[in-house]
Amino acid sequence: MAIITLPVVKMLLIAIMLLGLMVEVKTGGMGAGVLLGLVAAAVFWGSQYVEGLVSFYMIAVFFFGILCIIVEMLLPTVGLLAGVGVAALFYSLVLALGGDAFAMGVLLGAFALAAVLFALVVRRLPSSRLWSKFVLKDTSTSRRGYVSAPPRAELVGKEGTALTELRPAGTAQIDGQPVDVVTEGAFLPKGTPVRVISVEGMRVVVRSCS
């Protein structure tokens, strides 16, 4: 059996193809990633075809997936073509490997290897428009105007009236405003005078004044 048909060699070739694809999605260029992936693809599909293990249909599906991803990188779409392209790639590779559990194992191994190698170089690569669709770059910080919860410490010590039954959670009117509150565990009927004894984030703890 030729070395090129060994499962570990197939997994390595697929890993190189996937790594090249990841690099191109990250950079959006037609450089080293494309060349690396095309060489690996040519060796993989060529050897499989010579051995009679694949058909033109599988090869066509693979390159259809590549075409979809290239179009996605060039045109301002919503990412649908990229999804179709990735699905076509994986579908063709699974078929080429036999379409069974062994094929899935080889493919998952190749993907894991490609992901590890990509993680080692991703920070050194420029980012493309397509890559920005998959990565959340903005952070929700107070400087950008995002606040998880308004401070309520000023309520401590203030008194009000239970607008609903507190079982132990409910609503009380404090400073003329309805506030979601919770007691220390006691049940308080509607209309009970209450005092705020502590504030823990959004949790306003009250106690009966009587």
Protein backbone atom coordinates (compact mmCIF):
# COMPACT_ATOMS: atom_id res chain seq x y z
CA MET A 1 0.00 0.00 0.00
CA ALA A 2 1.36 3.45 -0.93
CA ILE A 3 2.35 5.69 1.97
CA ILE A 4 0.01 8.39 0.72
CA THR A 5 -3.01 6.14 1.37
CA LEU A 6 -2.18 5.55 5.05
CA PRO A 7 -4.86 6.97 7.39
CA VAL A 8 -2.36 9.12 9.30
CA VAL A 9 -1.09 10.66 6.04
CA LYS A 10 -4.66 11.34 4.90
CA MET A 11 -5.40 12.99 8.22
CA LEU A 12 -2.26 15.14 7.90
CA LEU A 13 -3.18 16.23 4.35
CA ILE A 14 -6.72 17.13 5.41
CA ALA A 15 -5.33 19.03 8.41
CA ILE A 16 -3.13 21.05 6.05
CA MET A 17 -6.14 21.79 3.81
CA LEU A 18 -8.20 22.93 6.77
CA LEU A 19 -5.32 25.01 8.13
CA GLY A 20 -4.94 26.71 4.77
CA LEU A 21 -8.67 27.44 4.73
CA MET A 22 -8.58 28.89 8.24
CA VAL A 23 -5.61 31.10 7.35
CA GLU A 24 -7.39 32.44 4.27
CA VAL A 25 -10.62 33.14 6.18
CA LYS A 26 -8.55 34.99 8.80
CA THR A 27 -6.50 37.03 6.34
CA GLY A 28 -8.88 37.29 3.37
CA GLY A 29 -5.90 37.10 0.99
CA MET A 30 -4.86 34.73 -1.76
CA GLY A 31 -1.44 33.91 -0.32
CA ALA A 32 0.34 31.16 1.56
CA GLY A 33 -2.87 29.69 2.92
CA VAL A 34 -4.30 29.12 -0.54
CA LEU A 35 -1.06 27.65 -1.87
CA LEU A 36 -0.68 25.35 1.12
CA GLY A 37 -4.28 24.16 0.91
CA LEU A 38 -4.22 23.63 -2.86
CA VAL A 39 -1.03 21.55 -2.72
CA ALA A 40 -2.46 19.37 0.05
CA ALA A 41 -5.78 19.07 -1.81
CA ALA A 42 -4.05 18.09 -5.05
CA VAL A 43 -2.03 15.37 -3.30
CA PHE A 44 -5.03 14.08 -1.34
CA TRP A 45 -7.59 14.00 -4.16
CA GLY A 46 -5.06 12.91 -6.77
CA SER A 47 -3.91 9.91 -4.75
CA GLN A 48 -7.47 8.98 -3.85
CA TYR A 49 -8.54 9.16 -7.48
CA VAL A 50 -5.58 7.08 -8.72
CA GLU A 51 -6.44 4.43 -6.14
CA GLY A 52 -10.04 4.47 -7.37
CA LEU A 53 -11.37 5.57 -3.99
CA VAL A 54 -13.13 8.75 -5.08
CA SER A 55 -15.28 9.96 -7.96
CA PHE A 56 -15.48 13.20 -9.88
CA TYR A 57 -18.66 13.94 -7.90
CA MET A 58 -16.77 14.07 -4.60
CA ILE A 59 -14.04 16.24 -6.07
CA ALA A 60 -16.66 18.56 -7.60
CA VAL A 61 -18.45 18.94 -4.26
CA PHE A 62 -15.15 19.77 -2.57
CA PHE A 63 -14.24 22.50 -5.04
CA PHE A 64 -17.81 23.80 -5.00
CA GLY A 65 -17.33 24.35 -1.27
CA ILE A 66 -14.05 26.16 -1.92
CA LEU A 67 -15.80 28.35 -4.50
CA CYS A 68 -18.56 29.27 -2.04
CA ILE A 69 -16.02 30.35 0.55
CA ILE A 70 -14.07 32.42 -2.00
CA VAL A 71 -17.28 34.18 -3.09
CA GLU A 72 -18.12 34.84 0.56
CA MET A 73 -14.74 36.51 1.04
CA LEU A 74 -15.21 38.72 -2.02
CA LEU A 75 -18.87 39.72 -1.74
CA PRO A 76 -20.74 41.41 1.16
CA THR A 77 -23.12 38.56 2.05
CA VAL A 78 -24.42 37.48 5.44
CA GLY A 79 -22.23 34.39 5.79
CA LEU A 80 -24.64 31.91 4.18
CA LEU A 81 -22.25 30.98 1.39
CA ALA A 82 -19.47 30.36 3.90
CA GLY A 83 -21.71 27.94 5.78
CA VAL A 84 -22.68 26.12 2.58
CA GLY A 85 -19.04 25.96 1.55
CA VAL A 86 -17.85 24.48 4.84
CA ALA A 87 -20.68 21.92 4.78
CA ALA A 88 -19.75 20.92 1.22
CA LEU A 89 -16.10 20.53 2.17
CA PHE A 90 -16.81 18.27 5.11
CA TYR A 91 -19.39 16.27 3.16
CA SER A 92 -16.96 15.59 0.31
CA LEU A 93 -14.14 14.64 2.67
CA VAL A 94 -16.33 12.23 4.64
CA LEU A 95 -17.39 10.56 1.38
CA ALA A 96 -13.77 10.38 0.22
CA LEU A 97 -12.74 8.67 3.44
CA GLY A 98 -15.46 6.02 3.18
CA GLY A 99 -18.49 7.71 4.71
CA ASP A 100 -18.34 5.70 7.95
CA ALA A 101 -17.32 6.14 11.59
CA PHE A 102 -13.66 5.76 10.64
CA ALA A 103 -14.04 8.65 8.19
CA MET A 104 -15.53 10.84 10.90
CA GLY A 105 -12.68 9.94 13.24
CA VAL A 106 -10.03 10.87 10.68
CA LEU A 107 -11.83 14.11 9.86
CA LEU A 108 -12.22 15.10 13.52
CA GLY A 109 -8.57 14.31 14.16
CA ALA A 110 -7.54 16.45 11.19
CA PHE A 111 -9.76 19.30 12.36
CA ALA A 112 -8.30 19.14 15.88
CA LEU A 113 -4.75 19.20 14.52
CA ALA A 114 -5.55 22.13 12.20
CA ALA A 115 -7.23 24.02 15.05
CA VAL A 116 -4.17 23.61 17.30
CA LEU A 117 -1.79 24.81 14.58
CA PHE A 118 -4.08 27.71 13.72
CA ALA A 119 -4.29 28.76 17.37
CA LEU A 120 -0.50 29.08 17.41
CA VAL A 121 -0.43 31.61 14.56
CA VAL A 122 -3.84 33.32 14.62
CA ARG A 123 -2.70 36.38 16.61
CA ARG A 124 0.05 37.12 14.09
CA LEU A 125 -2.31 37.19 11.11
CA PRO A 126 -4.30 40.20 9.84
CA SER A 127 -8.09 39.97 10.05
CA SER A 128 -10.42 39.95 7.04
CA ARG A 129 -14.05 41.09 6.73
CA LEU A 130 -15.23 37.47 6.74
CA TRP A 131 -13.29 36.71 9.93
CA SER A 132 -14.88 39.69 11.67
CA LYS A 133 -18.31 38.11 11.08
CA PHE A 134 -17.38 35.16 13.27
CA VAL A 135 -15.52 36.99 16.03
CA LEU A 136 -17.11 39.41 18.52
CA LYS A 137 -14.63 42.24 18.88
CA ASP A 138 -16.64 44.79 20.89
CA THR A 139 -16.80 44.46 24.64
CA SER A 140 -19.58 45.67 26.90
CA THR A 141 -17.83 48.03 29.25
CA SER A 142 -19.01 50.94 31.35
CA ARG A 143 -16.73 53.22 29.30
CA ARG A 144 -18.74 52.29 26.17
CA GLY A 145 -22.02 52.99 28.00
CA TYR A 146 -22.93 49.45 29.08
CA VAL A 147 -24.04 49.03 32.67
CA SER A 148 -25.16 45.64 33.99
CA ALA A 149 -27.31 47.14 36.73
CA PRO A 150 -27.79 50.64 38.13
CA PRO A 151 -26.32 51.16 41.62
CA ARG A 152 -28.99 50.94 44.33
CA ALA A 153 -26.90 51.48 47.48
CA GLU A 154 -28.72 54.76 48.15
CA LEU A 155 -31.86 52.77 49.03
CA VAL A 156 -30.32 51.35 52.22
CA GLY A 157 -32.16 52.70 55.27
CA LYS A 158 -35.11 54.08 53.32
CA GLU A 159 -38.66 53.11 54.17
CA GLY A 160 -41.61 52.28 51.98
CA THR A 161 -44.74 50.17 51.66
CA ALA A 162 -45.25 46.72 50.19
CA LEU A 163 -47.27 47.10 46.99
CA THR A 164 -47.72 43.34 46.72
CA GLU A 165 -47.49 40.41 49.06
CA LEU A 166 -43.83 39.60 49.75
CA ARG A 167 -43.50 35.78 49.59
CA PRO A 168 -40.63 36.66 50.20
CA ALA A 169 -40.15 38.43 46.83
CA GLY A 170 -42.46 41.13 45.58
CA THR A 171 -42.71 44.87 44.95
CA ALA A 172 -42.51 47.77 47.36
CA GLN A 173 -42.95 51.50 46.86
CA ILE A 174 -39.82 53.33 47.98
CA ASP A 175 -39.25 57.04 47.37
CA GLY A 176 -42.43 57.04 45.29
CA GLN A 177 -41.05 54.38 42.89
CA PRO A 178 -41.91 50.66 42.62
CA VAL A 179 -38.87 48.53 43.47
CA ASP A 180 -38.44 44.76 43.25
CA VAL A 181 -37.56 43.60 46.74
CA VAL A 182 -37.14 40.46 48.81
CA THR A 183 -37.51 39.89 52.54
CA GLU A 184 -35.12 37.90 54.75
CA GLY A 185 -37.52 35.00 54.38
CA ALA A 186 -40.59 36.25 56.19
CA PHE A 187 -43.99 36.60 54.51
CA LEU A 188 -45.28 40.18 54.56
CA PRO A 189 -48.81 41.11 53.44
CA LYS A 190 -49.57 43.92 51.04
CA GLY A 191 -49.47 47.38 52.70
CA THR A 192 -46.83 46.43 55.29
CA PRO A 193 -44.37 49.26 56.07
CA VAL A 194 -40.86 48.08 55.19
CA ARG A 195 -37.29 49.34 55.47
CA VAL A 196 -34.39 48.53 53.15
CA ILE A 197 -31.65 46.84 55.18
CA SER A 198 -29.20 45.88 52.41
CA VAL A 199 -28.61 46.01 48.66
CA GLU A 200 -26.66 43.25 46.88
CA GLY A 201 -26.50 44.10 43.19
CA MET A 202 -30.10 43.95 41.98
CA ARG A 203 -31.23 42.25 45.19
CA VAL A 204 -32.92 44.75 47.52
CA VAL A 205 -33.55 43.22 50.95
CA VAL A 206 -36.27 44.67 53.16
CA ARG A 207 -37.58 44.09 56.65
CA SER A 208 -40.88 44.99 58.27
CA CYS A 209 -40.85 48.29 60.18
CA SER A 210 -43.45 47.03 62.65
